[in-house]
Structures are given as structure tokens and as C-alpha cells.
Protein backbone atom coordinates (compact mmCIF):
# COMPACT_ATOMS: atom_id res chain seq x y z
CA UNK A 1 -40.24 -35.73 38.92
CA UNK A 2 -40.87 -34.61 42.51
CA UNK A 3 -40.03 -31.08 43.59
CA UNK A 4 -37.42 -32.22 46.09
CA UNK A 5 -35.64 -34.19 43.36
CA UNK A 6 -35.44 -31.17 41.04
CA UNK A 7 -33.52 -28.92 43.47
CA UNK A 8 -30.65 -30.76 45.12
CA UNK A 9 -29.11 -27.90 47.12
CA UNK A 10 -28.48 -24.19 47.19
CA UNK A 11 -24.99 -22.88 46.47
CA UNK A 12 -23.54 -20.66 49.17
CA UNK A 13 -20.43 -18.93 47.88
CA UNK A 14 -19.16 -15.37 47.63
CA UNK A 15 -20.45 -14.98 44.10
CA UNK A 16 -23.84 -16.47 45.00
CA UNK A 17 -24.32 -14.14 47.96
CA UNK A 18 -23.36 -11.09 45.86
CA UNK A 19 -25.90 -12.08 43.21
CA UNK A 20 -28.53 -12.45 45.91
CA UNK A 21 -27.85 -9.02 47.38
CA UNK A 22 -27.40 -7.06 44.15
CA UNK A 23 -29.58 -8.73 41.49
CA UNK A 24 -32.06 -10.73 43.59
CA UNK A 25 -30.73 -13.96 42.03
CA UNK A 26 -30.06 -17.30 43.75
CA UNK A 27 -27.98 -20.25 42.57
CA UNK A 28 -29.17 -23.85 43.00
CA UNK A 29 -27.66 -27.23 42.17
CA UNK A 30 -30.36 -29.03 40.20
CA UNK A 31 -30.88 -32.44 38.63
CA UNK A 32 -29.22 -32.71 35.20
CA UNK A 33 -32.41 -33.93 33.52
CA UNK A 34 -34.64 -31.00 34.54
CA UNK A 35 -35.56 -28.08 32.32
CA UNK A 36 -36.18 -24.40 33.10
CA UNK A 37 -39.94 -24.79 33.46
CA UNK A 38 -39.58 -27.55 36.06
CA UNK A 39 -36.99 -25.53 37.99
CA UNK A 40 -39.28 -22.48 38.01
CA UNK A 41 -42.25 -24.51 39.27
CA UNK A 42 -40.14 -26.17 41.98
CA UNK A 43 -38.79 -22.86 43.34
CA UNK A 44 -42.23 -21.24 43.30
CA UNK A 45 -43.85 -24.15 45.17
CA UNK A 46 -41.03 -24.88 47.65
CA UNK A 47 -40.27 -21.27 48.64
CA UNK A 48 -43.56 -19.57 47.77
CA UNK A 49 -41.87 -16.83 45.72
CA UNK A 50 -42.53 -15.46 42.21
CA UNK A 51 -39.79 -16.37 39.70
CA UNK A 52 -39.07 -13.98 36.81
CA UNK A 53 -36.34 -15.91 34.99
CA UNK A 54 -34.18 -19.02 35.07
CA UNK A 55 -30.75 -19.53 33.50
CA UNK A 56 -29.03 -22.93 33.51
CA UNK A 57 -25.40 -24.02 33.24
CA UNK A 58 -24.11 -27.54 32.57
CA UNK A 59 -20.66 -28.11 34.05
CA UNK A 60 -18.60 -31.16 33.12
CA UNK A 61 -16.63 -32.87 35.87
CA UNK A 62 -12.95 -32.03 36.16
CA UNK A 63 -10.30 -34.59 35.34
CA UNK A 64 -8.50 -35.92 38.41
CA UNK A 65 -5.49 -38.18 38.72
CA UNK A 66 -4.14 -39.98 41.72
CA UNK A 67 -0.55 -41.14 41.58
CA UNK A 68 -0.04 -43.54 38.67
CA UNK A 69 -3.65 -44.56 38.18
CA UNK A 70 -5.61 -43.61 35.09
CA UNK A 71 -7.40 -40.31 35.09
CA UNK A 72 -10.87 -40.16 36.62
CA UNK A 73 -13.50 -37.44 36.78
CA UNK A 74 -15.49 -35.57 39.37
CA UNK A 75 -19.27 -35.55 38.98
CA UNK A 76 -20.99 -33.50 36.29
CA UNK A 77 -23.36 -30.88 37.72
CA UNK A 78 -26.06 -28.51 36.54
CA UNK A 79 -26.57 -25.10 38.13
CA UNK A 80 -29.60 -22.86 37.87
CA UNK A 81 -29.54 -19.10 38.43
CA UNK A 82 -33.04 -18.05 39.47
CA UNK A 83 -34.17 -14.41 39.47
CA UNK A 84 -37.01 -13.51 41.83
CA UNK A 85 -39.58 -10.74 41.54
CA UNK A 86 -38.49 -7.34 42.87
CA UNK A 87 -38.82 -7.16 46.66
CA UNK A 88 -38.91 -10.93 47.31
CA UNK A 89 -36.12 -12.73 49.14
CA UNK A 90 -35.20 -16.27 50.15
CA UNK A 91 -33.89 -16.56 53.71
CA UNK A 92 -30.88 -18.84 53.51
CA UNK A 93 -30.04 -19.03 57.20
């Protein structure tokens, strides 16, 4: 799998920015089929930073209903929380 297919996007939320400032951790949306080793290699090659640890979270899509139709779902996603070496930063803007 190519590096650009592993990392889909970076999550910019209040919680994600607090993790970045306090713990030097960044949250990415990643492909559901990737593992921690592939995520680590992708971040190190794309951003040129040293990764210490990777944690992953699988999130099932939420049930949604519109009027009288049967219930549907939003997309399932996988998030990765990546911790960088002390002193390294990813510029998001």
C-alpha cells in the first residue's frame, strides 16, 4: 500500500490540538486495513519525524434514519494516535 493511501487526513479538533501541545501526539484518519507498523513508516517518511508509538481506534459508523426510511449508517473509520519523539513537531498550518 502506498504511503498516501495509508494516511487519509489529519484530525483537527480541540482534543487533537490539546494532545499535540501537551503530549506531542497527533491524530490521523487512516485506512481501515493498515496496521501500526505501516502507519509508523508512513508518518516517518511523509513528515520526516521520529515516531515513538502508535495507538489505533476502530470506530463503527453511527446509525442514521431519515423520515420513514430504514436505518442507514455513516462510514466506519479508523483513527491513529501517533506520538513523536521529544522536541519534534508537525506544522499543521
